[in-house]
Amino acid sequence: MGGHLDKVVVSIGGSILIPGNGDSAFIKELAAMIEGLSEDVQMVIVCGGGRTARYYADTGRALGGTDYQLDVLGIGATRLNAQLLSLALGSMPETVPETAEDAARLSSPGRIVVMGGTVPGHTTDAVAMMVARELGAERVVNATSVDAVYSEDPKKNPCARRFECMTIEELGEVVYKDHRASECCVFDPLGVRIAREGRIDICMVDGRDLPELRNAILGRPIRGTYVRSR
């Protein structure tokens, strides 16, 4: 290992890690791929909460929890997922980094850092962008259950436009429209702002498609959406 390595932050949705079907087999494959790329790319992995976070949020809400308390439960789920992926990578730390600064500080060539959420109010999309800013990363790879960015929810509108490449301003417009319609945003608005200010590119890919995810991490052409911030 020598020379300059690209610095990349990978945001993996919890629904990708734990879909509820063949989880351990997929996580093993994912971990093997990540390990195989660690000599070529300096990576920090940010894990989402997925169905585990939703279960605790729903149960906590039924028990009278506040939004803040529900966020705390969700963050716990993201960190649990981070420890599970760390286990597949060969080590399970007692704790995972709890701030973007800590994750960036721990990151080095050949060392894979895995974390979850940080504080209530910040999604893991936003956390991934904060880590990228601290690390000086070239791009963030957003691995979700959707294969690209669409102008609208393609399940509701089959004629929705699919973006192969777009600017960060165009992504902001899509996110703003989702936010106004009270729909689940394709990316966190705070994350979009950090990407714009930090000139950090974003690759939006289907996280269960490992060859596609691998290409995104390596900076190769993808079938998903490439968001230009520079």
C-alpha atoms as a PDB file:
ATOM      1  CA  MET A   1       0.000   0.000   0.000  1.00  0.00           C
ATOM      2  CA  GLY A   2       1.504   3.309  -1.010  1.00  0.00           C
ATOM      3  CA  GLY A   3       0.818   6.666  -2.550  1.00  0.00           C
ATOM      4  CA  HIS A   4      -2.362   8.664  -2.234  1.00  0.00           C
ATOM      5  CA  LEU A   5      -5.541   6.820  -1.339  1.00  0.00           C
ATOM      6  CA  ASP A   6      -8.978   8.229  -2.077  1.00  0.00           C
ATOM      7  CA  LYS A   7     -10.888   9.018   1.103  1.00  0.00           C
ATOM      8  CA  VAL A   8     -14.481   7.834   0.945  1.00  0.00           C
ATOM      9  CA  VAL A   9     -17.328   7.770   3.447  1.00  0.00           C
ATOM     10  CA  VAL A  10     -19.930   5.052   2.887  1.00  0.00           C
ATOM     11  CA  SER A  11     -23.398   5.552   4.373  1.00  0.00           C
ATOM     12  CA  ILE A  12     -25.160   2.178   4.528  1.00  0.00           C
ATOM     13  CA  GLY A  13     -28.874   2.188   5.243  1.00  0.00           C
ATOM     14  CA  GLY A  14     -30.013  -0.069   8.049  1.00  0.00           C
ATOM     15  CA  SER A  15     -32.541  -1.669   5.693  1.00  0.00           C
ATOM     16  CA  ILE A  16     -29.582  -2.765   3.548  1.00  0.00           C
ATOM     17  CA  LEU A  17     -27.738  -4.383   6.447  1.00  0.00           C
ATOM     18  CA  ILE A  18     -30.761  -5.943   8.138  1.00  0.00           C
ATOM     19  CA  PRO A  19     -33.581  -6.509   5.636  1.00  0.00           C
ATOM     20  CA  GLY A  20     -34.757  -9.549   7.596  1.00  0.00           C
ATOM     21  CA  ASN A  21     -33.793 -12.191   5.034  1.00  0.00           C
ATOM     22  CA  GLY A  22     -30.357 -13.803   4.733  1.00  0.00           C
ATOM     23  CA  ASP A  23     -28.786 -11.036   6.798  1.00  0.00           C
ATOM     24  CA  SER A  24     -25.644 -12.842   7.983  1.00  0.00           C
ATOM     25  CA  ALA A  25     -24.738 -14.128   4.504  1.00  0.00           C
ATOM     26  CA  PHE A  26     -25.070 -10.658   2.977  1.00  0.00           C
ATOM     27  CA  ILE A  27     -23.143  -8.973   5.794  1.00  0.00           C
ATOM     28  CA  LYS A  28     -20.299 -11.490   5.323  1.00  0.00           C
ATOM     29  CA  GLU A  29     -20.149 -10.683   1.598  1.00  0.00           C
ATOM     30  CA  LEU A  30     -20.301  -6.954   2.288  1.00  0.00           C
ATOM     31  CA  ALA A  31     -17.525  -7.167   4.877  1.00  0.00           C
ATOM     32  CA  ALA A  32     -15.314  -9.212   2.537  1.00  0.00           C
ATOM     33  CA  MET A  33     -15.768  -6.617  -0.202  1.00  0.00           C
ATOM     34  CA  ILE A  34     -14.986  -3.726   2.155  1.00  0.00           C
ATOM     35  CA  GLU A  35     -11.865  -5.492   3.430  1.00  0.00           C
ATOM     36  CA  GLY A  36     -10.742  -6.146  -0.129  1.00  0.00           C
ATOM     37  CA  LEU A  37     -10.994  -2.440  -0.981  1.00  0.00           C
ATOM     38  CA  SER A  38      -9.257  -1.146   2.137  1.00  0.00           C
ATOM     39  CA  GLU A  39      -5.832  -1.221   0.460  1.00  0.00           C
ATOM     40  CA  ASP A  40      -7.098   1.037  -2.332  1.00  0.00           C
ATOM     41  CA  VAL A  41      -9.458   3.367  -0.469  1.00  0.00           C
ATOM     42  CA  GLN A  42      -9.407   4.931   3.006  1.00  0.00           C
ATOM     43  CA  MET A  43     -12.938   4.345   4.294  1.00  0.00           C
ATOM     44  CA  VAL A  44     -15.261   5.310   7.093  1.00  0.00           C
ATOM     45  CA  ILE A  45     -18.560   3.402   7.187  1.00  0.00           C
ATOM     46  CA  VAL A  46     -21.674   4.996   8.724  1.00  0.00           C
ATOM     47  CA  CYS A  47     -24.518   2.559   9.482  1.00  0.00           C
ATOM     48  CA  GLY A  48     -28.195   3.459   9.596  1.00  0.00           C
ATOM     49  CA  GLY A  49     -30.767   1.986  11.954  1.00  0.00           C
ATOM     50  CA  GLY A  50     -33.305   0.476   9.558  1.00  0.00           C
ATOM     51  CA  ARG A  51     -36.045  -1.781  10.872  1.00  0.00           C
ATOM     52  CA  THR A  52     -34.371  -2.074  14.291  1.00  0.00           C
ATOM     53  CA  ALA A  53     -34.527   1.694  14.762  1.00  0.00           C
ATOM     54  CA  ARG A  54     -38.121   1.798  13.511  1.00  0.00           C
ATOM     55  CA  TYR A  55     -39.154  -0.946  15.942  1.00  0.00           C
ATOM     56  CA  TYR A  56     -37.701   0.909  18.922  1.00  0.00           C
ATOM     57  CA  ALA A  57     -39.107   4.239  17.734  1.00  0.00           C
ATOM     58  CA  ASP A  58     -42.603   2.780  17.297  1.00  0.00           C
ATOM     59  CA  THR A  59     -42.483   0.999  20.648  1.00  0.00           C
ATOM     60  CA  GLY A  60     -41.002   4.031  22.398  1.00  0.00           C
ATOM     61  CA  ARG A  61     -43.694   6.276  20.919  1.00  0.00           C
ATOM     62  CA  ALA A  62     -46.398   3.907  22.193  1.00  0.00           C
ATOM     63  CA  LEU A  63     -44.788   4.182  25.631  1.00  0.00           C
ATOM     64  CA  GLY A  64     -45.010   7.984  25.538  1.00  0.00           C
ATOM     65  CA  GLY A  65     -41.446   8.814  24.509  1.00  0.00           C
ATOM     66  CA  THR A  66     -40.555  12.309  23.316  1.00  0.00           C
ATOM     67  CA  ASP A  67     -39.035  12.948  19.884  1.00  0.00           C
ATOM     68  CA  TYR A  68     -35.652  13.418  21.573  1.00  0.00           C
ATOM     69  CA  GLN A  69     -35.967  10.101  23.416  1.00  0.00           C
ATOM     70  CA  LEU A  70     -37.025   8.313  20.229  1.00  0.00           C
ATOM     71  CA  ASP A  71     -33.962   9.745  18.461  1.00  0.00           C
ATOM     72  CA  VAL A  72     -31.753   8.404  21.260  1.00  0.00           C
ATOM     73  CA  LEU A  73     -33.264   4.942  20.767  1.00  0.00           C
ATOM     74  CA  GLY A  74     -32.683   5.186  17.015  1.00  0.00           C
ATOM     75  CA  ILE A  75     -29.045   6.179  17.511  1.00  0.00           C
ATOM     76  CA  GLY A  76     -28.605   3.123  19.727  1.00  0.00           C
ATOM     77  CA  ALA A  77     -29.878   0.948  16.877  1.00  0.00           C
ATOM     78  CA  THR A  78     -27.412   2.491  14.403  1.00  0.00           C
ATOM     79  CA  ARG A  79     -24.529   1.782  16.779  1.00  0.00           C
ATOM     80  CA  LEU A  80     -25.720  -1.798  17.242  1.00  0.00           C
ATOM     81  CA  ASN A  81     -25.658  -2.236  13.453  1.00  0.00           C
ATOM     82  CA  ALA A  82     -22.178  -0.691  13.371  1.00  0.00           C
ATOM     83  CA  GLN A  83     -20.938  -3.226  15.912  1.00  0.00           C
ATOM     84  CA  LEU A  84     -22.501  -6.057  13.912  1.00  0.00           C
ATOM     85  CA  LEU A  85     -20.668  -4.971  10.753  1.00  0.00           C
ATOM     86  CA  SER A  86     -17.471  -4.522  12.795  1.00  0.00           C
ATOM     87  CA  LEU A  87     -17.862  -8.114  13.997  1.00  0.00           C
ATOM     88  CA  ALA A  88     -18.045  -9.289  10.384  1.00  0.00           C
ATOM     89  CA  LEU A  89     -14.893  -7.267   9.667  1.00  0.00           C
ATOM     90  CA  GLY A  90     -13.030  -9.202  12.351  1.00  0.00           C
ATOM     91  CA  SER A  91     -13.344  -7.091  15.479  1.00  0.00           C
ATOM     92  CA  MET A  92     -16.186  -5.777  17.590  1.00  0.00           C
ATOM     93  CA  PRO A  93     -15.182  -2.743  19.656  1.00  0.00           C
ATOM     94  CA  GLU A  94     -16.897  -2.136  22.988  1.00  0.00           C
ATOM     95  CA  THR A  95     -17.891   1.272  21.661  1.00  0.00           C
ATOM     96  CA  VAL A  96     -17.985   2.889  18.237  1.00  0.00           C
ATOM     97  CA  PRO A  97     -17.018   6.493  17.414  1.00  0.00           C
ATOM     98  CA  GLU A  98     -19.724   8.852  18.643  1.00  0.00           C
ATOM     99  CA  THR A  99     -18.679  12.009  16.778  1.00  0.00           C
ATOM    100  CA  ALA A 100     -17.604  12.838  13.238  1.00  0.00           C
ATOM    101  CA  GLU A 101     -14.360  14.222  14.652  1.00  0.00           C
ATOM    102  CA  ASP A 102     -13.556  10.956  16.448  1.00  0.00           C
ATOM    103  CA  ALA A 103     -14.245   8.894  13.318  1.00  0.00           C
ATOM    104  CA  ALA A 104     -11.993  11.092  11.178  1.00  0.00           C
ATOM    105  CA  ARG A 105      -9.253  11.018  13.817  1.00  0.00           C
ATOM    106  CA  LEU A 106      -9.330   7.215  14.014  1.00  0.00           C
ATOM    107  CA  SER A 107      -9.304   6.790  10.226  1.00  0.00           C
ATOM    108  CA  SER A 108      -6.024   5.935   8.512  1.00  0.00           C
ATOM    109  CA  PRO A 109      -4.937   4.045   5.359  1.00  0.00           C
ATOM    110  CA  GLY A 110      -5.808   0.375   5.765  1.00  0.00           C
ATOM    111  CA  ARG A 111      -7.964   0.940   8.850  1.00  0.00           C
ATOM    112  CA  ILE A 112     -11.729   0.664   8.404  1.00  0.00           C
ATOM    113  CA  VAL A 113     -13.705   2.785  10.864  1.00  0.00           C
ATOM    114  CA  VAL A 114     -17.360   1.861  11.426  1.00  0.00           C
ATOM    115  CA  MET A 115     -19.832   4.066  13.277  1.00  0.00           C
ATOM    116  CA  GLY A 116     -23.531   4.831  13.659  1.00  0.00           C
ATOM    117  CA  GLY A 117     -25.362   8.018  14.562  1.00  0.00           C
ATOM    118  CA  THR A 118     -24.127  10.839  16.759  1.00  0.00           C
ATOM    119  CA  VAL A 119     -26.707  13.120  18.388  1.00  0.00           C
ATOM    120  CA  PRO A 120     -30.508  13.519  18.220  1.00  0.00           C
ATOM    121  CA  GLY A 121     -31.596  15.573  15.233  1.00  0.00           C
ATOM    122  CA  HIS A 122     -28.818  14.387  12.920  1.00  0.00           C
ATOM    123  CA  THR A 123     -29.593  11.568  10.476  1.00  0.00           C
ATOM    124  CA  THR A 124     -26.851   9.178   9.405  1.00  0.00           C
ATOM    125  CA  ASP A 125     -26.891  10.898   5.971  1.00  0.00           C
ATOM    126  CA  ALA A 126     -25.893  14.124   7.706  1.00  0.00           C
ATOM    127  CA  VAL A 127     -23.369  12.300   9.904  1.00  0.00           C
ATOM    128  CA  ALA A 128     -21.719  10.770   6.815  1.00  0.00           C
ATOM    129  CA  MET A 129     -21.337  14.251   5.341  1.00  0.00           C
ATOM    130  CA  MET A 130     -19.898  15.608   8.589  1.00  0.00           C
ATOM    131  CA  VAL A 131     -17.343  12.789   8.644  1.00  0.00           C
ATOM    132  CA  ALA A 132     -16.475  13.466   4.988  1.00  0.00           C
ATOM    133  CA  ARG A 133     -15.923  17.136   5.789  1.00  0.00           C
ATOM    134  CA  GLU A 134     -13.657  16.305   8.745  1.00  0.00           C
ATOM    135  CA  LEU A 135     -11.777  13.649   6.775  1.00  0.00           C
ATOM    136  CA  GLY A 136     -11.388  15.667   3.583  1.00  0.00           C
ATOM    137  CA  ALA A 137     -13.125  12.891   1.634  1.00  0.00           C
ATOM    138  CA  GLU A 138     -13.623  13.111  -2.119  1.00  0.00           C
ATOM    139  CA  ARG A 139     -17.103  11.595  -2.057  1.00  0.00           C
ATOM    140  CA  VAL A 140     -19.832  10.017   0.008  1.00  0.00           C
ATOM    141  CA  VAL A 141     -21.421   6.791  -1.205  1.00  0.00           C
ATOM    142  CA  ASN A 142     -25.051   6.539  -0.119  1.00  0.00           C
ATOM    143  CA  ALA A 143     -26.080   2.873  -0.204  1.00  0.00           C
ATOM    144  CA  THR A 144     -29.846   2.570   0.124  1.00  0.00           C
ATOM    145  CA  SER A 145     -32.774   0.420  -0.979  1.00  0.00           C
ATOM    146  CA  VAL A 146     -33.357   2.750  -3.971  1.00  0.00           C
ATOM    147  CA  ASP A 147     -31.183   2.372  -7.079  1.00  0.00           C
ATOM    148  CA  ALA A 148     -30.991   6.073  -8.015  1.00  0.00           C
ATOM    149  CA  VAL A 149     -32.456   9.537  -7.453  1.00  0.00           C
ATOM    150  CA  TYR A 150     -35.876  10.111  -9.016  1.00  0.00           C
ATOM    151  CA  SER A 151     -37.818  13.335  -9.498  1.00  0.00           C
ATOM    152  CA  GLU A 152     -40.708  11.699  -7.619  1.00  0.00           C
ATOM    153  CA  ASP A 153     -41.391   8.417  -5.879  1.00  0.00           C
ATOM    154  CA  PRO A 154     -41.294   5.938  -8.825  1.00  0.00           C
ATOM    155  CA  LYS A 155     -43.698   3.623  -6.977  1.00  0.00           C
ATOM    156  CA  LYS A 156     -46.309   6.379  -7.029  1.00  0.00           C
ATOM    157  CA  ASN A 157     -45.414   7.817 -10.428  1.00  0.00           C
ATOM    158  CA  PRO A 158     -43.978   5.320 -12.948  1.00  0.00           C
ATOM    159  CA  CYS A 159     -43.149   8.274 -15.225  1.00  0.00           C
ATOM    160  CA  ALA A 160     -40.839   9.873 -12.650  1.00  0.00           C
ATOM    161  CA  ARG A 161     -37.534  11.046 -14.106  1.00  0.00           C
ATOM    162  CA  ARG A 162     -34.500   8.947 -13.177  1.00  0.00           C
ATOM    163  CA  PHE A 163     -31.269  10.909 -12.813  1.00  0.00           C
ATOM    164  CA  GLU A 164     -27.978   9.371 -13.964  1.00  0.00           C
ATOM    165  CA  CYS A 165     -26.040  12.533 -13.103  1.00  0.00           C
ATOM    166  CA  MET A 166     -27.128  15.751 -11.412  1.00  0.00           C
ATOM    167  CA  THR A 167     -25.735  18.770  -9.608  1.00  0.00           C
ATOM    168  CA  ILE A 168     -25.962  19.260  -5.861  1.00  0.00           C
ATOM    169  CA  GLU A 169     -28.371  22.131  -6.563  1.00  0.00           C
ATOM    170  CA  GLU A 170     -30.676  19.766  -8.482  1.00  0.00           C
ATOM    171  CA  LEU A 171     -30.536  17.255  -5.625  1.00  0.00           C
ATOM    172  CA  GLY A 172     -31.431  20.072  -3.250  1.00  0.00           C
ATOM    173  CA  GLU A 173     -34.526  20.850  -5.338  1.00  0.00           C
ATOM    174  CA  VAL A 174     -35.674  17.202  -5.216  1.00  0.00           C
ATOM    175  CA  VAL A 175     -35.070  17.031  -1.459  1.00  0.00           C
ATOM    176  CA  TYR A 176     -36.891  20.333  -0.890  1.00  0.00           C
ATOM    177  CA  LYS A 177     -39.888  19.071  -2.880  1.00  0.00           C
ATOM    178  CA  ASP A 178     -39.961  15.827  -0.860  1.00  0.00           C
ATOM    179  CA  HIS A 179     -39.677  17.803   2.372  1.00  0.00           C
ATOM    180  CA  ARG A 180     -42.558  20.122   1.433  1.00  0.00           C
ATOM    181  CA  ALA A 181     -44.709  17.130   0.513  1.00  0.00           C
ATOM    182  CA  SER A 182     -43.869  15.542   3.907  1.00  0.00           C
ATOM    183  CA  GLU A 183     -42.429  12.523   2.090  1.00  0.00           C
ATOM    184  CA  CYS A 184     -39.297  10.601   3.024  1.00  0.00           C
ATOM    185  CA  CYS A 185     -36.408  12.582   1.541  1.00  0.00           C
ATOM    186  CA  VAL A 186     -33.967  10.807  -0.759  1.00  0.00           C
ATOM    187  CA  PHE A 187     -31.171  12.530   1.192  1.00  0.00           C
ATOM    188  CA  ASP A 188     -31.036  14.609   4.354  1.00  0.00           C
ATOM    189  CA  PRO A 189     -31.350  18.400   3.729  1.00  0.00           C
ATOM    190  CA  LEU A 190     -28.496  19.123   6.151  1.00  0.00           C
ATOM    191  CA  GLY A 191     -26.354  16.595   4.283  1.00  0.00           C
ATOM    192  CA  VAL A 192     -27.091  18.394   1.005  1.00  0.00           C
ATOM    193  CA  ARG A 193     -26.011  21.696   2.537  1.00  0.00           C
ATOM    194  CA  ILE A 194     -22.748  20.246   3.859  1.00  0.00           C
ATOM    195  CA  ALA A 195     -22.032  18.637   0.461  1.00  0.00           C
ATOM    196  CA  ARG A 196     -22.616  21.950  -1.300  1.00  0.00           C
ATOM    197  CA  GLU A 197     -20.435  23.935   1.117  1.00  0.00           C
ATOM    198  CA  GLY A 198     -17.691  21.293   1.269  1.00  0.00           C
ATOM    199  CA  ARG A 199     -17.803  20.466  -2.460  1.00  0.00           C
ATOM    200  CA  ILE A 200     -18.258  16.776  -1.690  1.00  0.00           C
ATOM    201  CA  ASP A 201     -19.675  14.546  -4.441  1.00  0.00           C
ATOM    202  CA  ILE A 202     -22.334  11.917  -3.713  1.00  0.00           C
ATOM    203  CA  CYS A 203     -22.944   8.499  -5.301  1.00  0.00           C
ATOM    204  CA  MET A 204     -26.488   7.199  -4.776  1.00  0.00           C
ATOM    205  CA  VAL A 205     -26.638   3.431  -5.338  1.00  0.00           C
ATOM    206  CA  ASP A 206     -28.564   0.266  -4.539  1.00  0.00           C
ATOM    207  CA  GLY A 207     -26.671  -1.005  -1.504  1.00  0.00           C
ATOM    208  CA  ARG A 208     -27.666  -4.639  -2.007  1.00  0.00           C
ATOM    209  CA  ASP A 209     -25.975  -4.627  -5.428  1.00  0.00           C
ATOM    210  CA  LEU A 210     -22.405  -5.262  -4.275  1.00  0.00           C
ATOM    211  CA  PRO A 211     -20.703  -4.840  -7.698  1.00  0.00           C
ATOM    212  CA  GLU A 212     -22.453  -1.461  -8.015  1.00  0.00           C
ATOM    213  CA  LEU A 213     -21.466  -0.480  -4.472  1.00  0.00           C
ATOM    214  CA  ARG A 214     -17.881  -1.528  -5.177  1.00  0.00           C
ATOM    215  CA  ASN A 215     -17.750   0.661  -8.292  1.00  0.00           C
ATOM    216  CA  ALA A 216     -19.093   3.625  -6.337  1.00  0.00           C
ATOM    217  CA  ILE A 217     -16.495   3.219  -3.582  1.00  0.00           C
ATOM    218  CA  LEU A 218     -13.701   3.022  -6.164  1.00  0.00           C
ATOM    219  CA  GLY A 219     -14.983   6.060  -8.062  1.00  0.00           C
ATOM    220  CA  ARG A 220     -15.868   4.070 -11.178  1.00  0.00           C
ATOM    221  CA  PRO A 221     -18.957   4.591 -13.378  1.00  0.00           C
ATOM    222  CA  ILE A 222     -22.211   3.560 -11.697  1.00  0.00           C
ATOM    223  CA  ARG A 223     -25.768   2.809 -12.798  1.00  0.00           C
ATOM    224  CA  GLY A 224     -27.122   4.880  -9.919  1.00  0.00           C
ATOM    225  CA  THR A 225     -26.944   8.666  -9.618  1.00  0.00           C
ATOM    226  CA  TYR A 226     -23.731  10.679  -9.448  1.00  0.00           C
ATOM    227  CA  VAL A 227     -24.244  14.039  -7.743  1.00  0.00           C
ATOM    228  CA  ARG A 228     -21.626  16.658  -8.638  1.00  0.00           C
ATOM    229  CA  SER A 229     -20.776  19.230  -5.993  1.00  0.00           C
ATOM    230  CA  ARG A 230     -17.651  20.628  -7.681  1.00  0.00           C
END
